[in-house]
Amino acid sequence: MQKFDVQIDEKGRVLIPRLVMNIVRGKRLVMTFDNTEIRIMPQAMYRNMESA
C-alpha cells in the first residue's frame, strides 16, 4: 500500500497532487487521515455505482 502526502485547504477539501492522481488512475486509492478513511475511485467506477 502506497502512502501519499495530501493537503487540506481552508474549506476542508482534500488537495491531491496531480502526479498522485496519474499514478492511481484506474486503481482504487484509500487514504487515511486521523482514522478517517477516504476512498478515491476512478470516475468510471463512480458512474457504475450511480447507475446500479
PDB file of N, CA and C in Angstrom:
ATOM      1  N   MET A   1       0.853  -1.194   0.000  1.00  0.00           N
ATOM      2  CA  MET A   1       0.000   0.000   0.000  1.00  0.00           C
ATOM      3  C   MET A   1       0.888   1.243   0.000  1.00  0.00           C
ATOM      4  N   GLN A   2       0.613   2.127  -0.944  1.00  0.00           N
ATOM      5  CA  GLN A   2       1.404   3.344  -1.029  1.00  0.00           C
ATOM      6  C   GLN A   2       0.767   4.436  -0.195  1.00  0.00           C
ATOM      7  N   LYS A   3       1.607   5.282   0.342  1.00  0.00           N
ATOM      8  CA  LYS A   3       1.091   6.424   1.099  1.00  0.00           C
ATOM      9  C   LYS A   3       1.489   7.697   0.368  1.00  0.00           C
ATOM     10  N   PHE A   4       0.565   8.657   0.353  1.00  0.00           N
ATOM     11  CA  PHE A   4       0.817   9.922  -0.321  1.00  0.00           C
ATOM     12  C   PHE A   4       0.551  11.062   0.637  1.00  0.00           C
ATOM     13  N   ASP A   5       1.302  12.131   0.471  1.00  0.00           N
ATOM     14  CA  ASP A   5       1.029  13.343   1.238  1.00  0.00           C
ATOM     15  C   ASP A   5      -0.043  14.143   0.516  1.00  0.00           C
ATOM     16  N   VAL A   6      -1.043  14.566   1.253  1.00  0.00           N
ATOM     17  CA  VAL A   6      -2.060  15.441   0.688  1.00  0.00           C
ATOM     18  C   VAL A   6      -2.235  16.625   1.620  1.00  0.00           C
ATOM     19  N   GLN A   7      -2.784  17.696   1.073  1.00  0.00           N
ATOM     20  CA  GLN A   7      -3.058  18.869   1.883  1.00  0.00           C
ATOM     21  C   GLN A   7      -4.557  19.103   1.913  1.00  0.00           C
ATOM     22  N   ILE A   8      -5.015  19.791   2.927  1.00  0.00           N
ATOM     23  CA  ILE A   8      -6.421  20.142   3.042  1.00  0.00           C
ATOM     24  C   ILE A   8      -6.511  21.663   3.025  1.00  0.00           C
ATOM     25  N   ASP A   9      -7.327  22.190   2.119  1.00  0.00           N
ATOM     26  CA  ASP A   9      -7.404  23.648   2.013  1.00  0.00           C
ATOM     27  C   ASP A   9      -8.328  24.225   3.074  1.00  0.00           C
ATOM     28  N   GLU A  10      -8.491  25.536   3.049  1.00  0.00           N
ATOM     29  CA  GLU A  10      -9.236  26.201   4.120  1.00  0.00           C
ATOM     30  C   GLU A  10     -10.708  25.815   4.149  1.00  0.00           C
ATOM     31  N   LYS A  11     -11.241  25.284   3.026  1.00  0.00           N
ATOM     32  CA  LYS A  11     -12.636  24.852   3.018  1.00  0.00           C
ATOM     33  C   LYS A  11     -12.764  23.380   3.412  1.00  0.00           C
ATOM     34  N   GLY A  12     -11.641  22.755   3.744  1.00  0.00           N
ATOM     35  CA  GLY A  12     -11.701  21.362   4.158  1.00  0.00           C
ATOM     36  C   GLY A  12     -11.657  20.386   3.003  1.00  0.00           C
ATOM     37  N   ARG A  13     -11.384  20.894   1.802  1.00  0.00           N
ATOM     38  CA  ARG A  13     -11.268  19.983   0.665  1.00  0.00           C
ATOM     39  C   ARG A  13      -9.872  19.384   0.628  1.00  0.00           C
ATOM     40  N   VAL A  14      -9.794  18.164   0.172  1.00  0.00           N
ATOM     41  CA  VAL A  14      -8.502  17.486   0.104  1.00  0.00           C
ATOM     42  C   VAL A  14      -7.842  17.837  -1.220  1.00  0.00           C
ATOM     43  N   LEU A  15      -6.619  18.306  -1.139  1.00  0.00           N
ATOM     44  CA  LEU A  15      -5.856  18.632  -2.337  1.00  0.00           C
ATOM     45  C   LEU A  15      -4.921  17.466  -2.629  1.00  0.00           C
ATOM     46  N   ILE A  16      -5.160  16.808  -3.737  1.00  0.00           N
ATOM     47  CA  ILE A  16      -4.366  15.635  -4.095  1.00  0.00           C
ATOM     48  C   ILE A  16      -3.460  16.020  -5.263  1.00  0.00           C
ATOM     49  N   PRO A  17      -2.172  15.795  -5.116  1.00  0.00           N
ATOM     50  CA  PRO A  17      -1.268  16.151  -6.210  1.00  0.00           C
ATOM     51  C   PRO A  17      -1.648  15.439  -7.501  1.00  0.00           C
ATOM     52  N   ARG A  18      -1.579  16.160  -8.616  1.00  0.00           N
ATOM     53  CA  ARG A  18      -1.939  15.587  -9.915  1.00  0.00           C
ATOM     54  C   ARG A  18      -1.101  14.350 -10.211  1.00  0.00           C
ATOM     55  N   LEU A  19       0.150  14.388  -9.815  1.00  0.00           N
ATOM     56  CA  LEU A  19       1.023  13.236 -10.022  1.00  0.00           C
ATOM     57  C   LEU A  19       0.426  11.991  -9.393  1.00  0.00           C
ATOM     58  N   VAL A  20      -0.106  12.148  -8.186  1.00  0.00           N
ATOM     59  CA  VAL A  20      -0.706  11.009  -7.493  1.00  0.00           C
ATOM     60  C   VAL A  20      -1.912  10.511  -8.263  1.00  0.00           C
ATOM     61  N   MET A  21      -2.755  11.425  -8.750  1.00  0.00           N
ATOM     62  CA  MET A  21      -3.936  11.009  -9.493  1.00  0.00           C
ATOM     63  C   MET A  21      -3.538  10.235 -10.734  1.00  0.00           C
ATOM     64  N   ASN A  22      -2.447  10.631 -11.379  1.00  0.00           N
ATOM     65  CA  ASN A  22      -1.986   9.900 -12.549  1.00  0.00           C
ATOM     66  C   ASN A  22      -1.524   8.501 -12.165  1.00  0.00           C
ATOM     67  N   ILE A  23      -0.849   8.393 -11.035  1.00  0.00           N
ATOM     68  CA  ILE A  23      -0.355   7.095 -10.582  1.00  0.00           C
ATOM     69  C   ILE A  23      -1.523   6.151 -10.309  1.00  0.00           C
ATOM     70  N   VAL A  24      -2.577   6.677  -9.690  1.00  0.00           N
ATOM     71  CA  VAL A  24      -3.642   5.794  -9.221  1.00  0.00           C
ATOM     72  C   VAL A  24      -4.792   5.681 -10.210  1.00  0.00           C
ATOM     73  N   ARG A  25      -4.658   6.284 -11.382  1.00  0.00           N
ATOM     74  CA  ARG A  25      -5.744   6.213 -12.358  1.00  0.00           C
ATOM     75  C   ARG A  25      -6.040   4.756 -12.685  1.00  0.00           C
ATOM     76  N   GLY A  26      -7.302   4.375 -12.601  1.00  0.00           N
ATOM     77  CA  GLY A  26      -7.676   3.000 -12.877  1.00  0.00           C
ATOM     78  C   GLY A  26      -7.541   2.086 -11.676  1.00  0.00           C
ATOM     79  N   LYS A  27      -7.049   2.603 -10.570  1.00  0.00           N
ATOM     80  CA  LYS A  27      -6.947   1.794  -9.355  1.00  0.00           C
ATOM     81  C   LYS A  27      -7.759   2.459  -8.262  1.00  0.00           C
ATOM     82  N   ARG A  28      -8.028   1.715  -7.231  1.00  0.00           N
ATOM     83  CA  ARG A  28      -8.709   2.306  -6.083  1.00  0.00           C
ATOM     84  C   ARG A  28      -7.644   2.773  -5.101  1.00  0.00           C
ATOM     85  N   LEU A  29      -7.841   3.974  -4.581  1.00  0.00           N
ATOM     86  CA  LEU A  29      -6.882   4.537  -3.635  1.00  0.00           C
ATOM     87  C   LEU A  29      -7.601   4.784  -2.324  1.00  0.00           C
ATOM     88  N   VAL A  30      -6.999   4.342  -1.246  1.00  0.00           N
ATOM     89  CA  VAL A  30      -7.577   4.592   0.072  1.00  0.00           C
ATOM     90  C   VAL A  30      -6.596   5.463   0.841  1.00  0.00           C
ATOM     91  N   MET A  31      -7.080   6.575   1.345  1.00  0.00           N
ATOM     92  CA  MET A  31      -6.247   7.450   2.157  1.00  0.00           C
ATOM     93  C   MET A  31      -6.826   7.507   3.554  1.00  0.00           C
ATOM     94  N   THR A  32      -5.976   7.661   4.527  1.00  0.00           N
ATOM     95  CA  THR A  32      -6.446   7.735   5.901  1.00  0.00           C
ATOM     96  C   THR A  32      -5.940   9.018   6.536  1.00  0.00           C
ATOM     97  N   PHE A  33      -6.852   9.788   7.105  1.00  0.00           N
ATOM     98  CA  PHE A  33      -6.498  10.996   7.847  1.00  0.00           C
ATOM     99  C   PHE A  33      -7.028  10.827   9.250  1.00  0.00           C
ATOM    100  N   ASP A  34      -6.158  10.698  10.217  1.00  0.00           N
ATOM    101  CA  ASP A  34      -6.611  10.615  11.608  1.00  0.00           C
ATOM    102  C   ASP A  34      -7.799   9.679  11.762  1.00  0.00           C
ATOM    103  N   ASN A  35      -7.661   8.463  11.306  1.00  0.00           N
ATOM    104  CA  ASN A  35      -8.700   7.435  11.424  1.00  0.00           C
ATOM    105  C   ASN A  35      -9.916   7.682  10.538  1.00  0.00           C
ATOM    106  N   THR A  36      -9.873   8.689   9.675  1.00  0.00           N
ATOM    107  CA  THR A  36     -10.969   8.879   8.721  1.00  0.00           C
ATOM    108  C   THR A  36     -10.499   8.353   7.381  1.00  0.00           C
ATOM    109  N   GLU A  37     -11.194   7.370   6.862  1.00  0.00           N
ATOM    110  CA  GLU A  37     -10.770   6.752   5.620  1.00  0.00           C
ATOM    111  C   GLU A  37     -11.462   7.434   4.453  1.00  0.00           C
ATOM    112  N   ILE A  38     -10.699   7.830   3.478  1.00  0.00           N
ATOM    113  CA  ILE A  38     -11.237   8.477   2.285  1.00  0.00           C
ATOM    114  C   ILE A  38     -10.910   7.582   1.102  1.00  0.00           C
ATOM    115  N   ARG A  39     -11.929   7.165   0.388  1.00  0.00           N
ATOM    116  CA  ARG A  39     -11.708   6.303  -0.770  1.00  0.00           C
ATOM    117  C   ARG A  39     -11.839   7.135  -2.035  1.00  0.00           C
ATOM    118  N   ILE A  40     -10.871   6.988  -2.891  1.00  0.00           N
ATOM    119  CA  ILE A  40     -10.888   7.704  -4.158  1.00  0.00           C
ATOM    120  C   ILE A  40     -10.926   6.657  -5.260  1.00  0.00           C
ATOM    121  N   MET A  41     -11.952   6.727  -6.082  1.00  0.00           N
ATOM    122  CA  MET A  41     -12.107   5.738  -7.136  1.00  0.00           C
ATOM    123  C   MET A  41     -12.086   6.422  -8.488  1.00  0.00           C
ATOM    124  N   PRO A  42     -11.710   5.694  -9.521  1.00  0.00           N
ATOM    125  CA  PRO A  42     -11.773   6.253 -10.870  1.00  0.00           C
ATOM    126  C   PRO A  42     -13.195   6.684 -11.207  1.00  0.00           C
ATOM    127  N   GLN A  43     -13.306   7.699 -12.059  1.00  0.00           N
ATOM    128  CA  GLN A  43     -14.596   8.264 -12.431  1.00  0.00           C
ATOM    129  C   GLN A  43     -15.569   7.192 -12.921  1.00  0.00           C
ATOM    130  N   ALA A  44     -15.088   6.272 -13.710  1.00  0.00           N
ATOM    131  CA  ALA A  44     -15.968   5.250 -14.281  1.00  0.00           C
ATOM    132  C   ALA A  44     -16.620   4.425 -13.182  1.00  0.00           C
ATOM    133  N   MET A  45     -15.890   4.180 -12.106  1.00  0.00           N
ATOM    134  CA  MET A  45     -16.456   3.386 -11.018  1.00  0.00           C
ATOM    135  C   MET A  45     -17.567   4.161 -10.321  1.00  0.00           C
ATOM    136  N   TYR A  46     -17.396   5.478 -10.192  1.00  0.00           N
ATOM    137  CA  TYR A  46     -18.471   6.291  -9.619  1.00  0.00           C
ATOM    138  C   TYR A  46     -19.723   6.163 -10.475  1.00  0.00           C
ATOM    139  N   ARG A  47     -19.559   6.259 -11.790  1.00  0.00           N
ATOM    140  CA  ARG A  47     -20.712   6.198 -12.686  1.00  0.00           C
ATOM    141  C   ARG A  47     -21.395   4.845 -12.569  1.00  0.00           C
ATOM    142  N   ASN A  48     -20.604   3.798 -12.464  1.00  0.00           N
ATOM    143  CA  ASN A  48     -21.198   2.464 -12.331  1.00  0.00           C
ATOM    144  C   ASN A  48     -22.015   2.365 -11.054  1.00  0.00           C
ATOM    145  N   MET A  49     -21.509   2.950  -9.977  1.00  0.00           N
ATOM    146  CA  MET A  49     -22.217   2.884  -8.706  1.00  0.00           C
ATOM    147  C   MET A  49     -23.515   3.680  -8.771  1.00  0.00           C
ATOM    148  N   GLU A  50     -23.491   4.838  -9.453  1.00  0.00           N
ATOM    149  CA  GLU A  50     -24.693   5.656  -9.541  1.00  0.00           C
ATOM    150  C   GLU A  50     -25.770   4.950 -10.343  1.00  0.00           C
ATOM    151  N   SER A  51     -25.379   4.299 -11.434  1.00  0.00           N
ATOM    152  CA  SER A  51     -26.378   3.682 -12.309  1.00  0.00           C
ATOM    153  C   SER A  51     -26.906   2.382 -11.726  1.00  0.00           C
ATOM    154  N   ALA A  52     -26.171   1.775 -10.803  1.00  0.00           N
ATOM    155  CA  ALA A  52     -26.591   0.484 -10.246  1.00  0.00           C
ATOM    156  C   ALA A  52     -27.830   0.649  -9.370  1.00  0.00           C
TER     157      ALA A  52
END
